[in-house]
Each structure stands twice: as C-alpha cells, then as structure tokens.
Amino acid sequence: MKIGIIGLGLMGGSFGKALVKKTNHIVYGYDLSNTVIEKAISLNAIHYVLDTNNLSELDMLVVAIRPEFFTSSLTPFLPRLKKGAIVTDFCGVKRSIVDKMANFSKEFSNLVFVGGHPMAGRELSGINHSQSSLFDKASMILVNVNANANDIEILKDLYLSIGFSKVVETSSENHDSMIAYTSQLCHIVSNAFIKNAQAEKHVGYSAGSYLDLTRVARMNADMWAGLMLANGDKLLSELDEFLVNLTKYRDALKDGDVVGLRALLQEGNERKIQIDVKRQKTLEK
C-alpha cells in the first residue's frame, strides 16, 4: 500500500520507521516543520514527502497529531484522497475524534474512517526519539466509524505486521473511560508524586519502585494537558475514586490503625494477583 502520515513526531515517526523497516509499503510523510520532514527522511521514517502530487495515490492516511489540531490538519487533505482510502488516527482520545470522523464521513462518503490509538509511547517526544520498535508487543485500539469487515482486516494485518501483539475493537465511550484510568490517571499520579522535596535526595535510597512510579512524570505538558481536558469528565471520575481510596490509607495511618492498614494493603495485594492471573489467561488464549 501507499501510506501517508500527517505529523512526524514520536508516534508518526515511529510508525513510519516500523513500516519502512518491517514492510514493503511505500510511506509518505507530512509535517508543518520542514526540518522534521528532512529528519524523517534521513532517519528512514518515510520514503517520500507527502504533497498534492501524490496525495491522490494513497491507500491509507494516518493522522498522528494532537486532538486539538485534528480537524484543521486533516481537512485540506480529504478532498484529494481517492475513493476507498482509509483515514485513521493515533490520537489519545476517541469520542471527540470519532465524532469529527463521523461528520467527515457524511461529506466524504467515498472514504473509510476508523479511529485508532496505539497503546505505546515514551516519556520523550519528537522525531529524534522515534523508534521502529515502539509498537512491539503493544495493543492497537480501533473504533469503527464507517468501515466494512475487509477494511478492518486490512488495518489489523498492517498493525500486526509491524509488531503489535493484538488489535482491540471498542467504542469511543469505552476507550475514553479505560484510558482515563490506565494512562491519564497514571501520569497525574506520577507527576504529582515527583513534586515531593524528597525526590531531589532519592539517589542511594531508591530502587525499582521509585523508578517505575516516576517514569511518566516526564511528559510533554502541552500535549497531555490537551488530552486530559478533552477527556476531563472521565478523568475526574477516576481521580475522585483514587482520592477516596488514598484517603483510607491516610486515615489508617493517622489513627494508628494497624488492623485497618493491614487489611487495605492485603486487599490491594490480592487484587493485583487476581488481575495478573486473569491477564495471563487472556494472553494465553
């Protein structure tokens, strides 16, 4: 296929690198920065620059940019795409994006729209930190807008061919609810945790637990603020529940309640074990 990528940062650049390295697809790329485009070519993230001369040849167009720029970035490209071209994205929220895709599909009914979100990433951003292995063993989430079964199979085959271990189909509502918990809340907790003054003195006193918890405190603040606000209702619900649970530990410590604290810790331990067993069984299917 001929595949175009709008946005050549960490996600778009990594996707291009994986396609170039692991498949025979022809990859075209576009970015607002000419410097980034030149870097993408030098890093073998794309074969050619995406422009008006080759846009109509694309079989697939992937939008790998921040959600707030989705409409303005994609709109100029849509009229030039050929019939049957698949339009998908890598945005970290899905309700707002899928709604926009649904509106686009009314005007461009000859195109195929499928929302997407790779469950992969790094704490570093930009084309310089892109990796062809970024998606290895990761999960790819799809939200269908107007695609048929064959279109979905094309996407699944493509993602599996570059290293994804599984492709999950879901609704935009469920996606945003789950991502609020599994991703956005984790970033808030990590970002808040690192603000403790003790963090500056951690060397020699920390091990894996500290490093694991603080890894995603480092982030692109502009991007994550946009993602969190776009999913604010779901994230607030998860944050409120977390604070309720956290307060239980605080109260047990304040009251010197060893029985209560032990019960809370044991409950969390047992839940983690149960979830890990269930996850392993799911992976083995």
C-alpha atoms as a PDB file:
ATOM      1  CA  MET A   1       0.000   0.000   0.000  1.00  0.00           C
ATOM      2  CA  LYS A   2       0.864   3.659  -0.229  1.00  0.00           C
ATOM      3  CA  ILE A   3       0.514   5.075   3.282  1.00  0.00           C
ATOM      4  CA  GLY A   4       0.614   8.743   4.247  1.00  0.00           C
ATOM      5  CA  ILE A   5       1.384  10.098   7.723  1.00  0.00           C
ATOM      6  CA  ILE A   6       0.377  13.559   8.921  1.00  0.00           C
ATOM      7  CA  GLY A   7       2.589  14.502  11.861  1.00  0.00           C
ATOM      8  CA  LEU A   8       6.103  13.103  12.187  1.00  0.00           C
ATOM      9  CA  GLY A   9       6.688  13.288  15.924  1.00  0.00           C
ATOM     10  CA  LEU A  10       7.266  10.351  18.238  1.00  0.00           C
ATOM     11  CA  MET A  11       4.202   8.364  17.150  1.00  0.00           C
ATOM     12  CA  GLY A  12       4.116   9.257  13.465  1.00  0.00           C
ATOM     13  CA  GLY A  13       7.879   8.933  13.150  1.00  0.00           C
ATOM     14  CA  SER A  14       7.923   5.556  14.907  1.00  0.00           C
ATOM     15  CA  PHE A  15       5.057   4.316  12.751  1.00  0.00           C
ATOM     16  CA  GLY A  16       6.918   5.363   9.624  1.00  0.00           C
ATOM     17  CA  LYS A  17      10.146   3.733  10.796  1.00  0.00           C
ATOM     18  CA  ALA A  18       8.313   0.486  11.558  1.00  0.00           C
ATOM     19  CA  LEU A  19       6.646   0.477   8.133  1.00  0.00           C
ATOM     20  CA  VAL A  20       9.893   1.198   6.303  1.00  0.00           C
ATOM     21  CA  LYS A  21      11.865  -1.411   8.242  1.00  0.00           C
ATOM     22  CA  LYS A  22       9.317  -4.232   8.525  1.00  0.00           C
ATOM     23  CA  THR A  23       7.079  -3.999   5.437  1.00  0.00           C
ATOM     24  CA  ASN A  24       7.134  -3.277   1.716  1.00  0.00           C
ATOM     25  CA  HIS A  25       4.606  -0.435   1.931  1.00  0.00           C
ATOM     26  CA  ILE A  26       5.548   2.946   0.480  1.00  0.00           C
ATOM     27  CA  VAL A  27       5.498   5.647   3.162  1.00  0.00           C
ATOM     28  CA  TYR A  28       4.804   9.343   2.597  1.00  0.00           C
ATOM     29  CA  GLY A  29       5.076  11.914   5.370  1.00  0.00           C
ATOM     30  CA  TYR A  30       3.958  15.473   6.098  1.00  0.00           C
ATOM     31  CA  ASP A  31       4.785  17.814   8.961  1.00  0.00           C
ATOM     32  CA  LEU A  32       4.473  21.555   9.452  1.00  0.00           C
ATOM     33  CA  SER A  33       8.229  21.693  10.037  1.00  0.00           C
ATOM     34  CA  ASN A  34      10.468  21.188   7.011  1.00  0.00           C
ATOM     35  CA  THR A  35      13.307  20.381   9.396  1.00  0.00           C
ATOM     36  CA  VAL A  36      11.279  17.497  10.836  1.00  0.00           C
ATOM     37  CA  ILE A  37      10.459  16.220   7.341  1.00  0.00           C
ATOM     38  CA  GLU A  38      14.144  16.267   6.389  1.00  0.00           C
ATOM     39  CA  LYS A  39      14.985  14.471   9.632  1.00  0.00           C
ATOM     40  CA  ALA A  40      12.311  11.849   8.950  1.00  0.00           C
ATOM     41  CA  ILE A  41      13.830  11.122   5.559  1.00  0.00           C
ATOM     42  CA  SER A  42      17.353  10.889   6.974  1.00  0.00           C
ATOM     43  CA  LEU A  43      16.150   8.533   9.735  1.00  0.00           C
ATOM     44  CA  ASN A  44      14.311   6.277   7.267  1.00  0.00           C
ATOM     45  CA  ALA A  45      10.945   7.136   8.790  1.00  0.00           C
ATOM     46  CA  ILE A  46       9.443   7.949   5.366  1.00  0.00           C
ATOM     47  CA  HIS A  47      10.311   7.316   1.738  1.00  0.00           C
ATOM     48  CA  TYR A  48       8.837  10.492   0.267  1.00  0.00           C
ATOM     49  CA  VAL A  49       7.342  13.826   1.276  1.00  0.00           C
ATOM     50  CA  LEU A  50       3.536  13.833   1.173  1.00  0.00           C
ATOM     51  CA  ASP A  51       2.241  16.601  -1.096  1.00  0.00           C
ATOM     52  CA  THR A  52      -0.554  17.430  -3.538  1.00  0.00           C
ATOM     53  CA  ASN A  53       1.163  15.474  -6.305  1.00  0.00           C
ATOM     54  CA  ASN A  54       0.977  12.088  -4.555  1.00  0.00           C
ATOM     55  CA  LEU A  55      -1.917  12.562  -2.130  1.00  0.00           C
ATOM     56  CA  SER A  56      -4.442  11.042  -4.537  1.00  0.00           C
ATOM     57  CA  GLU A  57      -2.373   7.831  -4.733  1.00  0.00           C
ATOM     58  CA  LEU A  58      -2.705   6.992  -1.019  1.00  0.00           C
ATOM     59  CA  ASP A  59      -4.457   3.835   0.118  1.00  0.00           C
ATOM     60  CA  MET A  60      -4.315   4.985   3.736  1.00  0.00           C
ATOM     61  CA  LEU A  61      -3.798   8.255   5.606  1.00  0.00           C
ATOM     62  CA  VAL A  62      -2.810   8.257   9.285  1.00  0.00           C
ATOM     63  CA  VAL A  63      -3.220  11.421  11.370  1.00  0.00           C
ATOM     64  CA  ALA A  64      -0.622  11.343  14.173  1.00  0.00           C
ATOM     65  CA  ILE A  65      -1.105  14.732  15.820  1.00  0.00           C
ATOM     66  CA  ARG A  66      -2.683  16.242  18.930  1.00  0.00           C
ATOM     67  CA  PRO A  67      -6.505  16.080  19.035  1.00  0.00           C
ATOM     68  CA  GLU A  68      -6.998  19.857  19.028  1.00  0.00           C
ATOM     69  CA  PHE A  69      -5.317  20.074  15.617  1.00  0.00           C
ATOM     70  CA  PHE A  70      -7.070  17.075  14.080  1.00  0.00           C
ATOM     71  CA  THR A  71      -9.724  18.916  12.062  1.00  0.00           C
ATOM     72  CA  SER A  72      -7.562  21.765  10.789  1.00  0.00           C
ATOM     73  CA  SER A  73      -4.774  19.382   9.785  1.00  0.00           C
ATOM     74  CA  LEU A  74      -6.937  16.780   8.072  1.00  0.00           C
ATOM     75  CA  THR A  75      -9.487  18.985   6.249  1.00  0.00           C
ATOM     76  CA  PRO A  76      -7.204  20.116   3.372  1.00  0.00           C
ATOM     77  CA  PHE A  77      -6.248  16.507   2.586  1.00  0.00           C
ATOM     78  CA  LEU A  78      -9.679  14.879   2.389  1.00  0.00           C
ATOM     79  CA  PRO A  79     -10.917  16.240  -0.980  1.00  0.00           C
ATOM     80  CA  ARG A  80      -7.828  14.890  -2.749  1.00  0.00           C
ATOM     81  CA  LEU A  81      -7.966  11.313  -1.449  1.00  0.00           C
ATOM     82  CA  LYS A  82      -9.098   8.560  -3.784  1.00  0.00           C
ATOM     83  CA  LYS A  83     -12.267   6.533  -3.326  1.00  0.00           C
ATOM     84  CA  GLY A  84     -11.892   3.810  -0.715  1.00  0.00           C
ATOM     85  CA  ALA A  85      -8.854   5.336   1.002  1.00  0.00           C
ATOM     86  CA  ILE A  86      -8.738   4.577   4.725  1.00  0.00           C
ATOM     87  CA  VAL A  87      -8.409   7.544   7.077  1.00  0.00           C
ATOM     88  CA  THR A  88      -7.356   6.729  10.637  1.00  0.00           C
ATOM     89  CA  ASP A  89      -5.559   8.414  13.528  1.00  0.00           C
ATOM     90  CA  PHE A  90      -3.300   7.958  16.555  1.00  0.00           C
ATOM     91  CA  CYS A  91      -4.976  10.484  18.880  1.00  0.00           C
ATOM     92  CA  GLY A  92      -5.122   9.628  22.581  1.00  0.00           C
ATOM     93  CA  VAL A  93      -8.835  10.406  22.977  1.00  0.00           C
ATOM     94  CA  LYS A  94     -11.567   8.960  20.827  1.00  0.00           C
ATOM     95  CA  ARG A  95     -15.013  10.460  21.487  1.00  0.00           C
ATOM     96  CA  SER A  96     -14.217  13.891  20.038  1.00  0.00           C
ATOM     97  CA  ILE A  97     -12.150  12.436  17.191  1.00  0.00           C
ATOM     98  CA  VAL A  98     -14.706   9.786  16.210  1.00  0.00           C
ATOM     99  CA  ASP A  99     -17.463  12.416  16.238  1.00  0.00           C
ATOM    100  CA  LYS A 100     -15.414  14.526  13.844  1.00  0.00           C
ATOM    101  CA  MET A 101     -14.770  11.486  11.649  1.00  0.00           C
ATOM    102  CA  ALA A 102     -18.495  10.732  11.572  1.00  0.00           C
ATOM    103  CA  ASN A 103     -19.157  14.272  10.361  1.00  0.00           C
ATOM    104  CA  PHE A 104     -16.428  13.990   7.737  1.00  0.00           C
ATOM    105  CA  SER A 105     -17.896  10.689   6.524  1.00  0.00           C
ATOM    106  CA  LYS A 106     -21.160  12.451   5.626  1.00  0.00           C
ATOM    107  CA  GLU A 107     -19.351  14.835   3.296  1.00  0.00           C
ATOM    108  CA  PHE A 108     -16.753  12.342   2.085  1.00  0.00           C
ATOM    109  CA  SER A 109     -18.831   9.164   1.914  1.00  0.00           C
ATOM    110  CA  ASN A 110     -16.356   7.644  -0.550  1.00  0.00           C
ATOM    111  CA  LEU A 111     -13.701   7.463   2.190  1.00  0.00           C
ATOM    112  CA  VAL A 112     -13.300   4.992   5.053  1.00  0.00           C
ATOM    113  CA  PHE A 113     -12.907   6.340   8.598  1.00  0.00           C
ATOM    114  CA  VAL A 114     -11.602   4.346  11.570  1.00  0.00           C
ATOM    115  CA  GLY A 115     -10.433   5.824  14.867  1.00  0.00           C
ATOM    116  CA  GLY A 116      -7.200   4.415  16.267  1.00  0.00           C
ATOM    117  CA  HIS A 117      -4.950   4.603  19.312  1.00  0.00           C
ATOM    118  CA  PRO A 118      -1.660   2.694  19.721  1.00  0.00           C
ATOM    119  CA  MET A 119      -1.100   1.741  23.351  1.00  0.00           C
ATOM    120  CA  ALA A 120       2.578   2.604  23.231  1.00  0.00           C
ATOM    121  CA  GLY A 121       4.767   5.599  23.871  1.00  0.00           C
ATOM    122  CA  ARG A 122       7.752   7.094  25.634  1.00  0.00           C
ATOM    123  CA  GLU A 123       8.304   9.912  28.105  1.00  0.00           C
ATOM    124  CA  LEU A 124      10.312  11.637  25.348  1.00  0.00           C
ATOM    125  CA  SER A 125       8.727  13.250  22.286  1.00  0.00           C
ATOM    126  CA  GLY A 126       9.679  14.246  18.755  1.00  0.00           C
ATOM    127  CA  ILE A 127      11.099  12.581  15.657  1.00  0.00           C
ATOM    128  CA  ASN A 128      14.543  12.285  17.274  1.00  0.00           C
ATOM    129  CA  HIS A 129      13.155   9.873  19.853  1.00  0.00           C
ATOM    130  CA  SER A 130      11.091   7.772  17.446  1.00  0.00           C
ATOM    131  CA  GLN A 131      11.790   4.030  17.324  1.00  0.00           C
ATOM    132  CA  SER A 132      10.878   1.311  14.835  1.00  0.00           C
ATOM    133  CA  SER A 133      10.358  -0.998  17.831  1.00  0.00           C
ATOM    134  CA  LEU A 134       7.998   1.337  19.722  1.00  0.00           C
ATOM    135  CA  PHE A 135       4.911  -0.753  18.938  1.00  0.00           C
ATOM    136  CA  ASP A 136       6.443  -4.178  19.566  1.00  0.00           C
ATOM    137  CA  LYS A 137       4.076  -6.309  21.694  1.00  0.00           C
ATOM    138  CA  ALA A 138       1.727  -3.336  22.155  1.00  0.00           C
ATOM    139  CA  SER A 139      -2.043  -3.256  21.739  1.00  0.00           C
ATOM    140  CA  MET A 140      -3.751  -1.244  18.996  1.00  0.00           C
ATOM    141  CA  ILE A 141      -7.255   0.061  19.668  1.00  0.00           C
ATOM    142  CA  LEU A 142      -9.720   0.628  16.819  1.00  0.00           C
ATOM    143  CA  VAL A 143     -13.058   2.454  16.844  1.00  0.00           C
ATOM    144  CA  ASN A 144     -15.005   1.835  13.654  1.00  0.00           C
ATOM    145  CA  VAL A 145     -16.868   4.734  12.057  1.00  0.00           C
ATOM    146  CA  ASN A 146     -17.948   3.509   8.609  1.00  0.00           C
ATOM    147  CA  ALA A 147     -15.519   0.725   7.668  1.00  0.00           C
ATOM    148  CA  ASN A 148     -16.540  -2.705   6.433  1.00  0.00           C
ATOM    149  CA  ALA A 149     -15.072  -6.001   7.636  1.00  0.00           C
ATOM    150  CA  ASN A 150     -12.442  -6.043   4.886  1.00  0.00           C
ATOM    151  CA  ASP A 151     -11.225  -2.553   5.789  1.00  0.00           C
ATOM    152  CA  ILE A 152     -10.826  -3.579   9.425  1.00  0.00           C
ATOM    153  CA  GLU A 153      -8.877  -6.698   8.407  1.00  0.00           C
ATOM    154  CA  ILE A 154      -6.536  -4.550   6.323  1.00  0.00           C
ATOM    155  CA  LEU A 155      -5.812  -2.407   9.365  1.00  0.00           C
ATOM    156  CA  LYS A 156      -5.397  -5.396  11.659  1.00  0.00           C
ATOM    157  CA  ASP A 157      -2.968  -7.103   9.283  1.00  0.00           C
ATOM    158  CA  LEU A 158      -0.984  -3.889   8.931  1.00  0.00           C
ATOM    159  CA  TYR A 159      -0.625  -3.302  12.662  1.00  0.00           C
ATOM    160  CA  LEU A 160       0.264  -6.905  13.430  1.00  0.00           C
ATOM    161  CA  SER A 161       2.904  -6.809  10.680  1.00  0.00           C
ATOM    162  CA  ILE A 162       4.837  -4.014  12.418  1.00  0.00           C
ATOM    163  CA  GLY A 163       4.944  -5.579  15.867  1.00  0.00           C
ATOM    164  CA  PHE A 164       1.618  -5.037  17.617  1.00  0.00           C
ATOM    165  CA  SER A 165       0.609  -8.149  19.549  1.00  0.00           C
ATOM    166  CA  LYS A 166      -3.132  -7.577  19.356  1.00  0.00           C
ATOM    167  CA  VAL A 167      -5.799  -5.299  17.893  1.00  0.00           C
ATOM    168  CA  VAL A 168      -8.811  -4.437  20.055  1.00  0.00           C
ATOM    169  CA  GLU A 169     -12.090  -3.093  18.676  1.00  0.00           C
ATOM    170  CA  THR A 170     -14.197  -0.991  21.033  1.00  0.00           C
ATOM    171  CA  SER A 171     -16.450   2.074  21.262  1.00  0.00           C
ATOM    172  CA  SER A 172     -15.179   5.621  21.696  1.00  0.00           C
ATOM    173  CA  GLU A 173     -17.006   5.820  25.037  1.00  0.00           C
ATOM    174  CA  ASN A 174     -15.314   2.708  26.428  1.00  0.00           C
ATOM    175  CA  HIS A 175     -11.933   3.770  25.062  1.00  0.00           C
ATOM    176  CA  ASP A 176     -12.014   7.131  26.808  1.00  0.00           C
ATOM    177  CA  SER A 177     -13.231   5.587  30.050  1.00  0.00           C
ATOM    178  CA  MET A 178     -10.438   2.998  30.094  1.00  0.00           C
ATOM    179  CA  ILE A 179      -7.692   5.405  29.001  1.00  0.00           C
ATOM    180  CA  ALA A 180      -8.629   7.823  31.781  1.00  0.00           C
ATOM    181  CA  TYR A 181      -7.680   5.070  34.244  1.00  0.00           C
ATOM    182  CA  THR A 182      -4.855   3.152  32.538  1.00  0.00           C
ATOM    183  CA  SER A 183      -2.965   6.142  31.152  1.00  0.00           C
ATOM    184  CA  GLN A 184      -4.056   9.641  32.120  1.00  0.00           C
ATOM    185  CA  LEU A 185      -4.533   8.982  35.849  1.00  0.00           C
ATOM    186  CA  CYS A 186      -1.136   7.247  35.963  1.00  0.00           C
ATOM    187  CA  HIS A 187       0.520  10.339  34.508  1.00  0.00           C
ATOM    188  CA  ILE A 188      -1.168  12.629  37.037  1.00  0.00           C
ATOM    189  CA  VAL A 189      -0.158  10.419  39.984  1.00  0.00           C
ATOM    190  CA  SER A 190       3.434  10.194  38.771  1.00  0.00           C
ATOM    191  CA  ASN A 191       3.632  13.913  38.031  1.00  0.00           C
ATOM    192  CA  ALA A 192       2.261  14.810  41.473  1.00  0.00           C
ATOM    193  CA  PHE A 193       4.469  12.274  43.270  1.00  0.00           C
ATOM    194  CA  ILE A 194       7.712  13.708  41.884  1.00  0.00           C
ATOM    195  CA  LYS A 195       6.939  17.156  43.366  1.00  0.00           C
ATOM    196  CA  ASN A 196       7.860  15.946  46.864  1.00  0.00           C
ATOM    197  CA  ALA A 197      11.051  17.623  48.112  1.00  0.00           C
ATOM    198  CA  GLN A 198      12.494  14.189  48.949  1.00  0.00           C
ATOM    199  CA  ALA A 199      12.742  13.428  45.226  1.00  0.00           C
ATOM    200  CA  GLU A 200      15.837  15.610  44.995  1.00  0.00           C
ATOM    201  CA  LYS A 201      17.568  13.364  47.533  1.00  0.00           C
ATOM    202  CA  HIS A 202      16.438   9.980  46.197  1.00  0.00           C
ATOM    203  CA  VAL A 203      19.828   8.756  44.906  1.00  0.00           C
ATOM    204  CA  GLY A 204      21.026   5.907  47.091  1.00  0.00           C
ATOM    205  CA  TYR A 205      17.606   5.496  48.670  1.00  0.00           C
ATOM    206  CA  SER A 206      15.533   4.386  45.685  1.00  0.00           C
ATOM    207  CA  ALA A 207      15.124   1.266  43.589  1.00  0.00           C
ATOM    208  CA  GLY A 208      12.699  -0.145  41.054  1.00  0.00           C
ATOM    209  CA  SER A 209       9.504   1.008  42.730  1.00  0.00           C
ATOM    210  CA  TYR A 210      10.605   4.659  42.687  1.00  0.00           C
ATOM    211  CA  LEU A 211      11.780   4.491  39.094  1.00  0.00           C
ATOM    212  CA  ASP A 212       8.611   2.730  37.942  1.00  0.00           C
ATOM    213  CA  LEU A 213       6.337   5.236  39.639  1.00  0.00           C
ATOM    214  CA  THR A 214       8.170   8.363  38.454  1.00  0.00           C
ATOM    215  CA  ARG A 215       8.964   7.388  34.850  1.00  0.00           C
ATOM    216  CA  VAL A 216       5.927   9.067  33.293  1.00  0.00           C
ATOM    217  CA  ALA A 217       6.239  12.209  35.407  1.00  0.00           C
ATOM    218  CA  ARG A 218       8.342  13.414  32.495  1.00  0.00           C
ATOM    219  CA  MET A 219       5.952  14.366  29.706  1.00  0.00           C
ATOM    220  CA  ASN A 220       5.008  16.868  27.004  1.00  0.00           C
ATOM    221  CA  ALA A 221       2.894  19.189  29.157  1.00  0.00           C
ATOM    222  CA  ASP A 222       1.084  20.867  26.246  1.00  0.00           C
ATOM    223  CA  MET A 223       0.070  17.557  24.714  1.00  0.00           C
ATOM    224  CA  TRP A 224      -1.013  15.910  27.959  1.00  0.00           C
ATOM    225  CA  ALA A 225      -2.954  18.947  29.184  1.00  0.00           C
ATOM    226  CA  GLY A 226      -4.938  18.868  25.939  1.00  0.00           C
ATOM    227  CA  LEU A 227      -5.590  15.132  26.197  1.00  0.00           C
ATOM    228  CA  MET A 228      -6.667  15.342  29.831  1.00  0.00           C
ATOM    229  CA  LEU A 229      -9.016  18.278  29.273  1.00  0.00           C
ATOM    230  CA  ALA A 230     -10.510  16.582  26.211  1.00  0.00           C
ATOM    231  CA  ASN A 231     -11.305  13.600  28.447  1.00  0.00           C
ATOM    232  CA  GLY A 232     -11.966  15.637  31.560  1.00  0.00           C
ATOM    233  CA  ASP A 233     -15.227  14.036  32.661  1.00  0.00           C
ATOM    234  CA  LYS A 234     -13.796  10.513  32.567  1.00  0.00           C
ATOM    235  CA  LEU A 235     -10.504  11.535  34.188  1.00  0.00           C
ATOM    236  CA  LEU A 236     -12.194  13.453  37.001  1.00  0.00           C
ATOM    237  CA  SER A 237     -14.270  10.390  37.851  1.00  0.00           C
ATOM    238  CA  GLU A 238     -11.148   8.215  38.080  1.00  0.00           C
ATOM    239  CA  LEU A 239      -9.229  10.845  40.055  1.00  0.00           C
ATOM    240  CA  ASP A 240     -12.075  11.187  42.569  1.00  0.00           C
ATOM    241  CA  GLU A 241     -12.166   7.421  43.123  1.00  0.00           C
ATOM    242  CA  PHE A 242      -8.390   7.340  43.568  1.00  0.00           C
ATOM    243  CA  LEU A 243      -8.544  10.109  46.179  1.00  0.00           C
ATOM    244  CA  VAL A 244     -11.259   8.232  48.087  1.00  0.00           C
ATOM    245  CA  ASN A 245      -9.077   5.121  48.230  1.00  0.00           C
ATOM    246  CA  LEU A 246      -5.945   7.112  49.078  1.00  0.00           C
ATOM    247  CA  THR A 247      -7.722   8.797  51.967  1.00  0.00           C
ATOM    248  CA  LYS A 248      -8.454   5.397  53.513  1.00  0.00           C
ATOM    249  CA  TYR A 249      -4.712   4.724  53.812  1.00  0.00           C
ATOM    250  CA  ARG A 250      -4.116   8.183  55.235  1.00  0.00           C
ATOM    251  CA  ASP A 251      -6.854   7.750  57.841  1.00  0.00           C
ATOM    252  CA  ALA A 252      -5.499   4.354  58.930  1.00  0.00           C
ATOM    253  CA  LEU A 253      -2.009   5.843  59.381  1.00  0.00           C
ATOM    254  CA  LYS A 254      -3.330   8.880  61.235  1.00  0.00           C
ATOM    255  CA  ASP A 255      -5.355   6.687  63.606  1.00  0.00           C
ATOM    256  CA  GLY A 256      -2.552   4.160  64.132  1.00  0.00           C
ATOM    257  CA  ASP A 257      -4.970   1.517  62.866  1.00  0.00           C
ATOM    258  CA  VAL A 258      -2.669  -1.417  62.142  1.00  0.00           C
ATOM    259  CA  VAL A 259      -5.581  -3.795  61.515  1.00  0.00           C
ATOM    260  CA  GLY A 260      -7.200  -1.421  59.044  1.00  0.00           C
ATOM    261  CA  LEU A 261      -3.932  -0.616  57.289  1.00  0.00           C
ATOM    262  CA  ARG A 262      -3.016  -4.293  57.020  1.00  0.00           C
ATOM    263  CA  ALA A 263      -6.455  -5.016  55.552  1.00  0.00           C
ATOM    264  CA  LEU A 264      -6.092  -2.257  52.957  1.00  0.00           C
ATOM    265  CA  LEU A 265      -2.648  -3.461  51.908  1.00  0.00           C
ATOM    266  CA  GLN A 266      -3.751  -7.084  51.739  1.00  0.00           C
ATOM    267  CA  GLU A 267      -6.811  -6.148  49.700  1.00  0.00           C
ATOM    268  CA  GLY A 268      -4.620  -4.337  47.170  1.00  0.00           C
ATOM    269  CA  ASN A 269      -2.136  -7.206  47.078  1.00  0.00           C
ATOM    270  CA  GLU A 270      -4.842  -9.810  46.433  1.00  0.00           C
ATOM    271  CA  ARG A 271      -6.480  -7.679  43.770  1.00  0.00           C
ATOM    272  CA  LYS A 272      -3.178  -7.256  41.935  1.00  0.00           C
ATOM    273  CA  ILE A 273      -2.579 -11.022  41.995  1.00  0.00           C
ATOM    274  CA  GLN A 274      -6.107 -11.757  40.723  1.00  0.00           C
ATOM    275  CA  ILE A 275      -5.797  -9.226  37.917  1.00  0.00           C
ATOM    276  CA  ASP A 276      -2.381 -10.557  36.854  1.00  0.00           C
ATOM    277  CA  VAL A 277      -3.702 -14.133  36.744  1.00  0.00           C
ATOM    278  CA  LYS A 278      -6.676 -13.020  34.673  1.00  0.00           C
ATOM    279  CA  ARG A 279      -4.386 -11.055  32.331  1.00  0.00           C
ATOM    280  CA  GLN A 280      -2.119 -14.054  31.821  1.00  0.00           C
ATOM    281  CA  LYS A 281      -5.062 -16.298  30.987  1.00  0.00           C
ATOM    282  CA  THR A 282      -6.294 -13.719  28.482  1.00  0.00           C
ATOM    283  CA  LEU A 283      -2.876 -13.522  26.828  1.00  0.00           C
ATOM    284  CA  GLU A 284      -2.705 -17.311  26.553  1.00  0.00           C
ATOM    285  CA  LYS A 285      -5.992 -17.566  24.648  1.00  0.00           C
END
